[in-house]
Amino acid sequence: MKKAAFVTGFLAVFIAGFWLIAVPVGLITDFLENSVGREDFYIETEGLNKGLFYNIRAEGVTLKKTTGDKDPGTALLILNNVNAGLNITSLLKLSPEVDFDCDINGGRVIGSVKLTEKGTVIINGSGIRVAGIPLFDQAGIKGDGDISLNVRLDNGAGEVRFSVDNMKLKNTSLGGVLLPLGLFNDIRGSIVVKGVTAELKSLALEGDGVYARVKGVISGDKLDLNMELMMDSTFENGYVYRAMLAKYMSSPGHYVIPVKMNYSRF
C-alpha cells in the first residue's frame, strides 16, 4: 500500500515537474495560435501563463480571419479571462478531458473537451450580448440581445442549440435580400453540424403579431436558407412590411424569403 502511494506520488510530481520545466509558454502559445486548422483563420493570445498542473490562463484569446500574409486580420470573436486545465478526476478514470471557462461579451461560457477518440466537446453559455461581437458586425447584424447556447459535438458532428432573448435587432440585408429582424423579440434554434455543413433543424422567431421559421443548409461558404414569415391581424404597421415584402408573398399574410449567398468574405 505504501509502495503504491509512493509510486502515485512520484508520478504526480514527475508529471507536474515535466509540465512546469519542460513545456515552455512559447510552445503552448504557438500550439494555440495555430490550432484552428485553416489558413484563413488564426488565434491571437494575450497574457498567457501556465498554472501548476497542466493549467493555463490567458487574459485574452481572439479568433481572427485574414486574407493573406500582410493582412493583420479581422477580429471575429474575443474571449476574456480564459482558464483551461486537465481534469484530474477524468485522468484517474482513464478518460482524460480538459475543462475550460471564459468571458464573452458580458456572458460566461464553460465547457470541456475529451481527449479521446471521439474528441467530445461540450459547451454551455449564457448572458452573451449580441452588441459588440465582431462576427455579427461583419455579417451586418446590428442591435442587441442575450444569447444562451448549448453545444455537443463528437468527432466534429453534433448539435448546437441556442436562444436570443430581449432581442432588439435591426433589419438587415443578406445577399441583397431584406431580413426584417427588427420585428422579432426572441429566437429559438437548433443546428445540426457535420464537418463543414450545418443544417438548420429548427429556427423560430417570435414578435408581436408576427412569427417566422427558418430552414436550410450552410455548407462551406454557401448559405442556402428560406425564411417563412407569417403576420396576423394584430400586427401593427403591417402595411409597411407588407409593401416591403410584397414580392415574397405566397398568400395574404404569408411570405417566403429565400436567402442564398456566398459569405466567404466574413
C-alpha atoms as a PDB file:
ATOM      1  CA  MET A   1       0.000   0.000   0.000  1.00  0.00           C
ATOM      2  CA  LYS A   2       2.781   2.379   0.933  1.00  0.00           C
ATOM      3  CA  LYS A   3       4.648   1.426  -2.233  1.00  0.00           C
ATOM      4  CA  ALA A   4       1.617   2.175  -4.394  1.00  0.00           C
ATOM      5  CA  ALA A   5       1.138   5.537  -2.679  1.00  0.00           C
ATOM      6  CA  PHE A   6       4.823   6.326  -3.188  1.00  0.00           C
ATOM      7  CA  VAL A   7       4.648   5.441  -6.900  1.00  0.00           C
ATOM      8  CA  THR A   8       1.481   7.504  -7.350  1.00  0.00           C
ATOM      9  CA  GLY A   9       3.055  10.478  -5.589  1.00  0.00           C
ATOM     10  CA  PHE A  10       6.245  10.171  -7.597  1.00  0.00           C
ATOM     11  CA  LEU A  11       4.321  10.074 -10.877  1.00  0.00           C
ATOM     12  CA  ALA A  12       2.277  13.121  -9.880  1.00  0.00           C
ATOM     13  CA  VAL A  13       5.427  15.082  -9.016  1.00  0.00           C
ATOM     14  CA  PHE A  14       7.175  13.920 -12.205  1.00  0.00           C
ATOM     15  CA  ILE A  15       4.239  14.863 -14.442  1.00  0.00           C
ATOM     16  CA  ALA A  16       3.809  18.245 -12.750  1.00  0.00           C
ATOM     17  CA  GLY A  17       7.545  18.888 -12.944  1.00  0.00           C
ATOM     18  CA  PHE A  18       7.625  17.998 -16.635  1.00  0.00           C
ATOM     19  CA  TRP A  19       4.795  20.497 -17.257  1.00  0.00           C
ATOM     20  CA  LEU A  20       6.481  23.296 -15.324  1.00  0.00           C
ATOM     21  CA  ILE A  21      10.025  22.791 -16.597  1.00  0.00           C
ATOM     22  CA  ALA A  22       9.955  21.072 -19.984  1.00  0.00           C
ATOM     23  CA  VAL A  23       6.905  22.744 -21.580  1.00  0.00           C
ATOM     24  CA  PRO A  24       7.655  26.428 -22.268  1.00  0.00           C
ATOM     25  CA  VAL A  25       4.892  29.026 -22.533  1.00  0.00           C
ATOM     26  CA  GLY A  26       6.015  29.804 -26.084  1.00  0.00           C
ATOM     27  CA  LEU A  27       5.282  26.229 -27.172  1.00  0.00           C
ATOM     28  CA  ILE A  28       1.758  26.443 -25.742  1.00  0.00           C
ATOM     29  CA  THR A  29       1.186  29.813 -27.388  1.00  0.00           C
ATOM     30  CA  ASP A  30       2.337  28.530 -30.792  1.00  0.00           C
ATOM     31  CA  PHE A  31       0.098  25.471 -30.469  1.00  0.00           C
ATOM     32  CA  LEU A  32      -2.989  27.531 -29.606  1.00  0.00           C
ATOM     33  CA  GLU A  33      -2.412  30.174 -32.248  1.00  0.00           C
ATOM     34  CA  ASN A  34      -2.129  27.535 -34.994  1.00  0.00           C
ATOM     35  CA  SER A  35      -4.850  25.185 -33.732  1.00  0.00           C
ATOM     36  CA  VAL A  36      -7.711  26.368 -35.966  1.00  0.00           C
ATOM     37  CA  GLY A  37      -6.648  24.192 -38.890  1.00  0.00           C
ATOM     38  CA  ARG A  38      -7.414  26.733 -41.632  1.00  0.00           C
ATOM     39  CA  GLU A  39      -5.006  29.129 -43.311  1.00  0.00           C
ATOM     40  CA  ASP A  40      -7.537  31.994 -43.345  1.00  0.00           C
ATOM     41  CA  PHE A  41      -8.235  31.799 -39.591  1.00  0.00           C
ATOM     42  CA  TYR A  42      -5.878  32.071 -36.650  1.00  0.00           C
ATOM     43  CA  ILE A  43      -5.888  32.678 -32.909  1.00  0.00           C
ATOM     44  CA  GLU A  44      -4.123  35.522 -31.137  1.00  0.00           C
ATOM     45  CA  THR A  45      -3.400  35.229 -27.403  1.00  0.00           C
ATOM     46  CA  GLU A  46      -2.650  37.877 -24.792  1.00  0.00           C
ATOM     47  CA  GLY A  47      -1.173  37.420 -21.313  1.00  0.00           C
ATOM     48  CA  LEU A  48      -0.946  33.620 -21.432  1.00  0.00           C
ATOM     49  CA  ASN A  49       0.545  31.910 -18.370  1.00  0.00           C
ATOM     50  CA  LYS A  50       0.941  28.350 -17.057  1.00  0.00           C
ATOM     51  CA  GLY A  51      -0.531  27.112 -13.796  1.00  0.00           C
ATOM     52  CA  LEU A  52       0.750  24.311 -11.563  1.00  0.00           C
ATOM     53  CA  PHE A  53      -0.695  21.148 -13.088  1.00  0.00           C
ATOM     54  CA  TYR A  54      -1.422  21.427 -16.808  1.00  0.00           C
ATOM     55  CA  ASN A  55      -3.475  24.571 -16.301  1.00  0.00           C
ATOM     56  CA  ILE A  56      -3.256  27.706 -18.408  1.00  0.00           C
ATOM     57  CA  ARG A  57      -4.754  31.157 -18.141  1.00  0.00           C
ATOM     58  CA  ALA A  58      -4.947  33.904 -20.753  1.00  0.00           C
ATOM     59  CA  GLU A  59      -6.127  37.463 -20.383  1.00  0.00           C
ATOM     60  CA  GLY A  60      -7.491  37.345 -23.919  1.00  0.00           C
ATOM     61  CA  VAL A  61      -7.908  34.973 -26.861  1.00  0.00           C
ATOM     62  CA  THR A  62      -9.078  36.396 -30.211  1.00  0.00           C
ATOM     63  CA  LEU A  63     -10.216  34.465 -33.269  1.00  0.00           C
ATOM     64  CA  LYS A  64      -9.239  36.351 -36.426  1.00  0.00           C
ATOM     65  CA  LYS A  65      -9.765  35.960 -40.161  1.00  0.00           C
ATOM     66  CA  THR A  66      -7.072  37.010 -42.627  1.00  0.00           C
ATOM     67  CA  THR A  67      -6.874  37.262 -46.410  1.00  0.00           C
ATOM     68  CA  GLY A  68      -3.084  36.983 -46.719  1.00  0.00           C
ATOM     69  CA  ASP A  69       0.355  37.306 -45.116  1.00  0.00           C
ATOM     70  CA  LYS A  70       0.243  41.107 -44.980  1.00  0.00           C
ATOM     71  CA  ASP A  71      -3.303  41.270 -43.663  1.00  0.00           C
ATOM     72  CA  PRO A  72      -3.276  41.887 -39.864  1.00  0.00           C
ATOM     73  CA  GLY A  73      -6.587  40.039 -39.639  1.00  0.00           C
ATOM     74  CA  THR A  74     -10.128  40.961 -38.674  1.00  0.00           C
ATOM     75  CA  ALA A  75     -11.328  40.000 -35.192  1.00  0.00           C
ATOM     76  CA  LEU A  76     -14.394  37.737 -35.214  1.00  0.00           C
ATOM     77  CA  LEU A  77     -14.655  36.570 -31.599  1.00  0.00           C
ATOM     78  CA  ILE A  78     -12.949  37.809 -28.436  1.00  0.00           C
ATOM     79  CA  LEU A  79     -12.636  35.681 -25.279  1.00  0.00           C
ATOM     80  CA  ASN A  80     -11.507  37.187 -21.974  1.00  0.00           C
ATOM     81  CA  ASN A  81     -10.257  35.653 -18.707  1.00  0.00           C
ATOM     82  CA  VAL A  82      -9.733  32.260 -20.311  1.00  0.00           C
ATOM     83  CA  ASN A  83      -8.949  29.354 -17.975  1.00  0.00           C
ATOM     84  CA  ALA A  84      -8.268  25.779 -19.071  1.00  0.00           C
ATOM     85  CA  GLY A  85      -6.868  22.748 -17.336  1.00  0.00           C
ATOM     86  CA  LEU A  86      -6.658  18.975 -17.221  1.00  0.00           C
ATOM     87  CA  ASN A  87      -9.487  17.407 -15.217  1.00  0.00           C
ATOM     88  CA  ILE A  88      -7.691  15.233 -12.643  1.00  0.00           C
ATOM     89  CA  THR A  89     -10.730  13.029 -11.937  1.00  0.00           C
ATOM     90  CA  SER A  90     -11.100  12.194 -15.620  1.00  0.00           C
ATOM     91  CA  LEU A  91      -7.408  11.312 -15.769  1.00  0.00           C
ATOM     92  CA  LEU A  92      -7.823   8.788 -12.943  1.00  0.00           C
ATOM     93  CA  LYS A  93     -10.771   7.272 -14.848  1.00  0.00           C
ATOM     94  CA  LEU A  94      -8.515   6.898 -17.924  1.00  0.00           C
ATOM     95  CA  SER A  95     -10.801   9.201 -19.883  1.00  0.00           C
ATOM     96  CA  PRO A  96      -8.830  12.469 -19.811  1.00  0.00           C
ATOM     97  CA  GLU A  97     -10.558  15.751 -20.565  1.00  0.00           C
ATOM     98  CA  VAL A  98      -9.761  19.443 -20.450  1.00  0.00           C
ATOM     99  CA  ASP A  99     -12.180  21.795 -18.709  1.00  0.00           C
ATOM    100  CA  PHE A 100     -12.341  25.465 -19.670  1.00  0.00           C
ATOM    101  CA  ASP A 101     -14.239  28.652 -18.967  1.00  0.00           C
ATOM    102  CA  CYS A 102     -14.116  32.222 -20.226  1.00  0.00           C
ATOM    103  CA  ASP A 103     -15.988  35.515 -20.526  1.00  0.00           C
ATOM    104  CA  ILE A 104     -17.551  36.515 -23.844  1.00  0.00           C
ATOM    105  CA  ASN A 105     -19.044  39.974 -24.213  1.00  0.00           C
ATOM    106  CA  GLY A 106     -20.690  40.178 -20.796  1.00  0.00           C
ATOM    107  CA  GLY A 107     -21.584  36.480 -20.642  1.00  0.00           C
ATOM    108  CA  ARG A 108     -19.979  33.309 -19.375  1.00  0.00           C
ATOM    109  CA  VAL A 109     -19.032  30.124 -21.222  1.00  0.00           C
ATOM    110  CA  ILE A 110     -17.956  26.838 -19.633  1.00  0.00           C
ATOM    111  CA  GLY A 111     -17.164  23.530 -21.289  1.00  0.00           C
ATOM    112  CA  SER A 112     -14.984  20.500 -21.679  1.00  0.00           C
ATOM    113  CA  VAL A 113     -13.079  18.633 -24.381  1.00  0.00           C
ATOM    114  CA  LYS A 114     -12.482  14.886 -24.028  1.00  0.00           C
ATOM    115  CA  LEU A 115      -9.015  13.810 -25.184  1.00  0.00           C
ATOM    116  CA  THR A 116     -10.328  10.524 -26.517  1.00  0.00           C
ATOM    117  CA  GLU A 117     -11.064   9.109 -29.963  1.00  0.00           C
ATOM    118  CA  LYS A 118     -14.434  10.891 -30.232  1.00  0.00           C
ATOM    119  CA  GLY A 119     -12.999  14.190 -29.020  1.00  0.00           C
ATOM    120  CA  THR A 120     -16.341  15.111 -27.443  1.00  0.00           C
ATOM    121  CA  VAL A 121     -16.833  18.856 -26.992  1.00  0.00           C
ATOM    122  CA  ILE A 122     -19.483  20.200 -24.590  1.00  0.00           C
ATOM    123  CA  ILE A 123     -20.113  23.943 -24.263  1.00  0.00           C
ATOM    124  CA  ASN A 124     -22.692  25.899 -22.275  1.00  0.00           C
ATOM    125  CA  GLY A 125     -23.016  29.668 -22.392  1.00  0.00           C
ATOM    126  CA  SER A 126     -25.396  32.332 -21.137  1.00  0.00           C
ATOM    127  CA  GLY A 127     -25.758  36.097 -20.878  1.00  0.00           C
ATOM    128  CA  ILE A 128     -23.691  36.749 -24.004  1.00  0.00           C
ATOM    129  CA  ARG A 129     -24.679  40.073 -25.560  1.00  0.00           C
ATOM    130  CA  VAL A 130     -25.109  40.391 -29.311  1.00  0.00           C
ATOM    131  CA  ALA A 131     -23.914  44.008 -29.391  1.00  0.00           C
ATOM    132  CA  GLY A 132     -20.135  44.188 -29.531  1.00  0.00           C
ATOM    133  CA  ILE A 133     -19.428  40.746 -31.029  1.00  0.00           C
ATOM    134  CA  PRO A 134     -17.306  41.468 -34.134  1.00  0.00           C
ATOM    135  CA  LEU A 135     -18.598  38.431 -36.050  1.00  0.00           C
ATOM    136  CA  PHE A 136     -22.143  39.836 -36.044  1.00  0.00           C
ATOM    137  CA  ASP A 137     -20.918  43.274 -37.079  1.00  0.00           C
ATOM    138  CA  GLN A 138     -19.073  41.679 -40.009  1.00  0.00           C
ATOM    139  CA  ALA A 139     -22.262  39.882 -41.035  1.00  0.00           C
ATOM    140  CA  GLY A 140     -24.275  43.123 -40.882  1.00  0.00           C
ATOM    141  CA  ILE A 141     -26.300  42.102 -37.815  1.00  0.00           C
ATOM    142  CA  LYS A 142     -26.816  45.163 -35.628  1.00  0.00           C
ATOM    143  CA  GLY A 143     -28.646  45.582 -32.342  1.00  0.00           C
ATOM    144  CA  ASP A 144     -28.672  43.706 -29.057  1.00  0.00           C
ATOM    145  CA  GLY A 145     -29.988  40.637 -27.249  1.00  0.00           C
ATOM    146  CA  ASP A 146     -28.924  37.991 -24.738  1.00  0.00           C
ATOM    147  CA  ILE A 147     -27.549  34.748 -26.187  1.00  0.00           C
ATOM    148  CA  SER A 148     -27.670  31.350 -24.467  1.00  0.00           C
ATOM    149  CA  LEU A 149     -26.272  28.212 -26.079  1.00  0.00           C
ATOM    150  CA  ASN A 150     -25.632  24.514 -25.586  1.00  0.00           C
ATOM    151  CA  VAL A 151     -23.225  22.611 -27.817  1.00  0.00           C
ATOM    152  CA  ARG A 152     -22.314  18.939 -28.031  1.00  0.00           C
ATOM    153  CA  LEU A 153     -20.010  17.629 -30.755  1.00  0.00           C
ATOM    154  CA  ASP A 154     -18.480  14.184 -31.294  1.00  0.00           C
ATOM    155  CA  ASN A 155     -15.820  13.876 -33.996  1.00  0.00           C
ATOM    156  CA  GLY A 156     -16.858  17.299 -35.292  1.00  0.00           C
ATOM    157  CA  ALA A 157     -20.542  16.328 -35.600  1.00  0.00           C
ATOM    158  CA  GLY A 158     -23.401  17.142 -33.265  1.00  0.00           C
ATOM    159  CA  GLU A 159     -25.954  19.763 -32.338  1.00  0.00           C
ATOM    160  CA  VAL A 160     -25.938  23.425 -31.342  1.00  0.00           C
ATOM    161  CA  ARG A 161     -28.995  24.735 -29.501  1.00  0.00           C
ATOM    162  CA  PHE A 162     -29.318  28.445 -28.864  1.00  0.00           C
ATOM    163  CA  SER A 163     -31.695  31.238 -28.000  1.00  0.00           C
ATOM    164  CA  VAL A 164     -31.660  35.037 -28.085  1.00  0.00           C
ATOM    165  CA  ASP A 165     -33.883  36.815 -25.559  1.00  0.00           C
ATOM    166  CA  ASN A 166     -34.698  40.522 -25.089  1.00  0.00           C
ATOM    167  CA  MET A 167     -33.843  40.915 -28.743  1.00  0.00           C
ATOM    168  CA  LYS A 168     -33.644  44.342 -30.307  1.00  0.00           C
ATOM    169  CA  LEU A 169     -32.041  43.740 -33.687  1.00  0.00           C
ATOM    170  CA  LYS A 170     -32.221  45.999 -36.704  1.00  0.00           C
ATOM    171  CA  ASN A 171     -33.475  44.959 -40.114  1.00  0.00           C
ATOM    172  CA  THR A 172     -30.610  43.803 -42.280  1.00  0.00           C
ATOM    173  CA  SER A 173     -29.834  42.512 -45.753  1.00  0.00           C
ATOM    174  CA  LEU A 174     -28.072  39.289 -46.718  1.00  0.00           C
ATOM    175  CA  GLY A 175     -27.275  38.626 -50.336  1.00  0.00           C
ATOM    176  CA  GLY A 176     -29.435  41.579 -51.327  1.00  0.00           C
ATOM    177  CA  VAL A 177     -32.466  40.144 -49.503  1.00  0.00           C
ATOM    178  CA  LEU A 178     -34.234  42.072 -46.732  1.00  0.00           C
ATOM    179  CA  LEU A 179     -34.408  40.235 -43.414  1.00  0.00           C
ATOM    180  CA  PRO A 180     -36.882  42.033 -41.105  1.00  0.00           C
ATOM    181  CA  LEU A 181     -35.126  41.063 -37.862  1.00  0.00           C
ATOM    182  CA  GLY A 182     -36.470  44.187 -36.167  1.00  0.00           C
ATOM    183  CA  LEU A 183     -39.910  42.540 -35.985  1.00  0.00           C
ATOM    184  CA  PHE A 184     -38.893  39.868 -33.514  1.00  0.00           C
ATOM    185  CA  ASN A 185     -38.380  39.742 -29.749  1.00  0.00           C
ATOM    186  CA  ASP A 186     -36.704  36.364 -29.383  1.00  0.00           C
ATOM    187  CA  ILE A 187     -35.202  33.425 -31.283  1.00  0.00           C
ATOM    188  CA  ARG A 188     -35.028  29.697 -30.530  1.00  0.00           C
ATOM    189  CA  GLY A 189     -32.920  27.478 -32.742  1.00  0.00           C
ATOM    190  CA  SER A 190     -31.197  24.145 -33.265  1.00  0.00           C
ATOM    191  CA  ILE A 191     -28.391  23.491 -35.761  1.00  0.00           C
ATOM    192  CA  VAL A 192     -27.119  20.027 -36.703  1.00  0.00           C
ATOM    193  CA  VAL A 193     -23.405  20.153 -37.530  1.00  0.00           C
ATOM    194  CA  LYS A 194     -21.430  17.637 -39.578  1.00  0.00           C
ATOM    195  CA  GLY A 195     -17.978  18.714 -40.701  1.00  0.00           C
ATOM    196  CA  VAL A 196     -18.246  21.936 -42.719  1.00  0.00           C
ATOM    197  CA  THR A 197     -22.011  21.517 -43.173  1.00  0.00           C
ATOM    198  CA  ALA A 198     -24.628  22.886 -40.787  1.00  0.00           C
ATOM    199  CA  GLU A 199     -28.354  22.233 -41.175  1.00  0.00           C
ATOM    200  CA  LEU A 200     -30.901  24.492 -39.532  1.00  0.00           C
ATOM    201  CA  LYS A 201     -33.045  21.814 -37.902  1.00  0.00           C
ATOM    202  CA  SER A 202     -35.360  24.407 -36.412  1.00  0.00           C
ATOM    203  CA  LEU A 203     -35.201  28.174 -36.053  1.00  0.00           C
ATOM    204  CA  ALA A 204     -38.214  30.045 -34.760  1.00  0.00           C
ATOM    205  CA  LEU A 205     -38.529  33.835 -34.391  1.00  0.00           C
ATOM    206  CA  GLU A 206     -41.399  35.445 -32.489  1.00  0.00           C
ATOM    207  CA  GLY A 207     -42.643  39.006 -32.280  1.00  0.00           C
ATOM    208  CA  ASP A 208     -45.886  40.869 -31.582  1.00  0.00           C
ATOM    209  CA  GLY A 209     -48.333  39.542 -34.145  1.00  0.00           C
ATOM    210  CA  VAL A 210     -45.605  38.055 -36.320  1.00  0.00           C
ATOM    211  CA  TYR A 211     -43.872  34.690 -36.443  1.00  0.00           C
ATOM    212  CA  ALA A 212     -41.189  33.165 -38.656  1.00  0.00           C
ATOM    213  CA  ARG A 213     -39.472  29.848 -39.287  1.00  0.00           C
ATOM    214  CA  VAL A 214     -36.098  29.453 -40.990  1.00  0.00           C
ATOM    215  CA  LYS A 215     -34.789  26.241 -42.553  1.00  0.00           C
ATOM    216  CA  GLY A 216     -31.895  25.394 -44.813  1.00  0.00           C
ATOM    217  CA  VAL A 217     -28.248  24.453 -45.031  1.00  0.00           C
ATOM    218  CA  ILE A 218     -24.927  26.225 -44.535  1.00  0.00           C
ATOM    219  CA  SER A 219     -22.233  24.298 -46.411  1.00  0.00           C
ATOM    220  CA  GLY A 220     -18.669  25.531 -46.691  1.00  0.00           C
ATOM    221  CA  ASP A 221     -19.028  29.188 -47.670  1.00  0.00           C
ATOM    222  CA  LYS A 222     -22.554  28.793 -49.073  1.00  0.00           C
ATOM    223  CA  LEU A 223     -25.750  29.934 -47.372  1.00  0.00           C
ATOM    224  CA  ASP A 224     -28.994  28.394 -48.665  1.00  0.00           C
ATOM    225  CA  LEU A 225     -31.946  29.264 -46.403  1.00  0.00           C
ATOM    226  CA  ASN A 226     -35.653  30.056 -46.571  1.00  0.00           C
ATOM    227  CA  MET A 227     -37.481  32.276 -44.082  1.00  0.00           C
ATOM    228  CA  GLU A 228     -41.211  31.608 -43.848  1.00  0.00           C
ATOM    229  CA  LEU A 229     -42.896  34.638 -42.260  1.00  0.00           C
ATOM    230  CA  MET A 230     -46.490  34.955 -41.039  1.00  0.00           C
ATOM    231  CA  MET A 231     -48.325  38.114 -39.912  1.00  0.00           C
ATOM    232  CA  ASP A 232     -51.706  38.149 -38.153  1.00  0.00           C
ATOM    233  CA  SER A 233     -54.317  40.885 -37.813  1.00  0.00           C
ATOM    234  CA  THR A 234     -52.825  42.199 -34.538  1.00  0.00           C
ATOM    235  CA  PHE A 235     -49.515  43.105 -36.160  1.00  0.00           C
ATOM    236  CA  GLU A 236     -49.006  46.887 -36.039  1.00  0.00           C
ATOM    237  CA  ASN A 237     -47.588  48.719 -39.057  1.00  0.00           C
ATOM    238  CA  GLY A 238     -48.254  45.580 -41.075  1.00  0.00           C
ATOM    239  CA  TYR A 239     -48.989  47.608 -44.189  1.00  0.00           C
ATOM    240  CA  VAL A 240     -45.387  48.929 -44.220  1.00  0.00           C
ATOM    241  CA  TYR A 241     -43.828  45.480 -44.124  1.00  0.00           C
ATOM    242  CA  ARG A 242     -46.429  44.049 -46.488  1.00  0.00           C
ATOM    243  CA  ALA A 243     -45.297  46.599 -49.027  1.00  0.00           C
ATOM    244  CA  MET A 244     -41.603  45.897 -48.366  1.00  0.00           C
ATOM    245  CA  LEU A 245     -42.079  42.131 -48.664  1.00  0.00           C
ATOM    246  CA  ALA A 246     -44.726  42.100 -51.402  1.00  0.00           C
ATOM    247  CA  LYS A 247     -42.579  40.181 -53.891  1.00  0.00           C
ATOM    248  CA  TYR A 248     -42.124  37.348 -51.396  1.00  0.00           C
ATOM    249  CA  MET A 249     -45.874  36.903 -50.653  1.00  0.00           C
ATOM    250  CA  SER A 250     -47.214  33.400 -51.253  1.00  0.00           C
ATOM    251  CA  SER A 251     -50.655  34.141 -49.771  1.00  0.00           C
ATOM    252  CA  PRO A 252     -52.152  37.025 -47.707  1.00  0.00           C
ATOM    253  CA  GLY A 253     -50.081  37.409 -44.516  1.00  0.00           C
ATOM    254  CA  HIS A 254     -47.683  34.635 -45.548  1.00  0.00           C
ATOM    255  CA  TYR A 255     -44.231  35.264 -47.070  1.00  0.00           C
ATOM    256  CA  VAL A 256     -41.354  33.023 -48.154  1.00  0.00           C
ATOM    257  CA  ILE A 257     -37.999  34.814 -48.271  1.00  0.00           C
ATOM    258  CA  PRO A 258     -35.043  32.983 -49.893  1.00  0.00           C
ATOM    259  CA  VAL A 259     -31.559  33.745 -48.561  1.00  0.00           C
ATOM    260  CA  LYS A 260     -28.851  32.386 -50.843  1.00  0.00           C
ATOM    261  CA  MET A 261     -25.336  33.801 -50.814  1.00  0.00           C
ATOM    262  CA  ASN A 262     -21.623  33.181 -50.543  1.00  0.00           C
ATOM    263  CA  TYR A 263     -20.375  34.530 -47.206  1.00  0.00           C
ATOM    264  CA  SER A 264     -16.647  33.791 -47.574  1.00  0.00           C
ATOM    265  CA  ARG A 265     -15.901  37.500 -47.112  1.00  0.00           C
ATOM    266  CA  PHE A 266     -16.913  37.097 -43.459  1.00  0.00           C
END
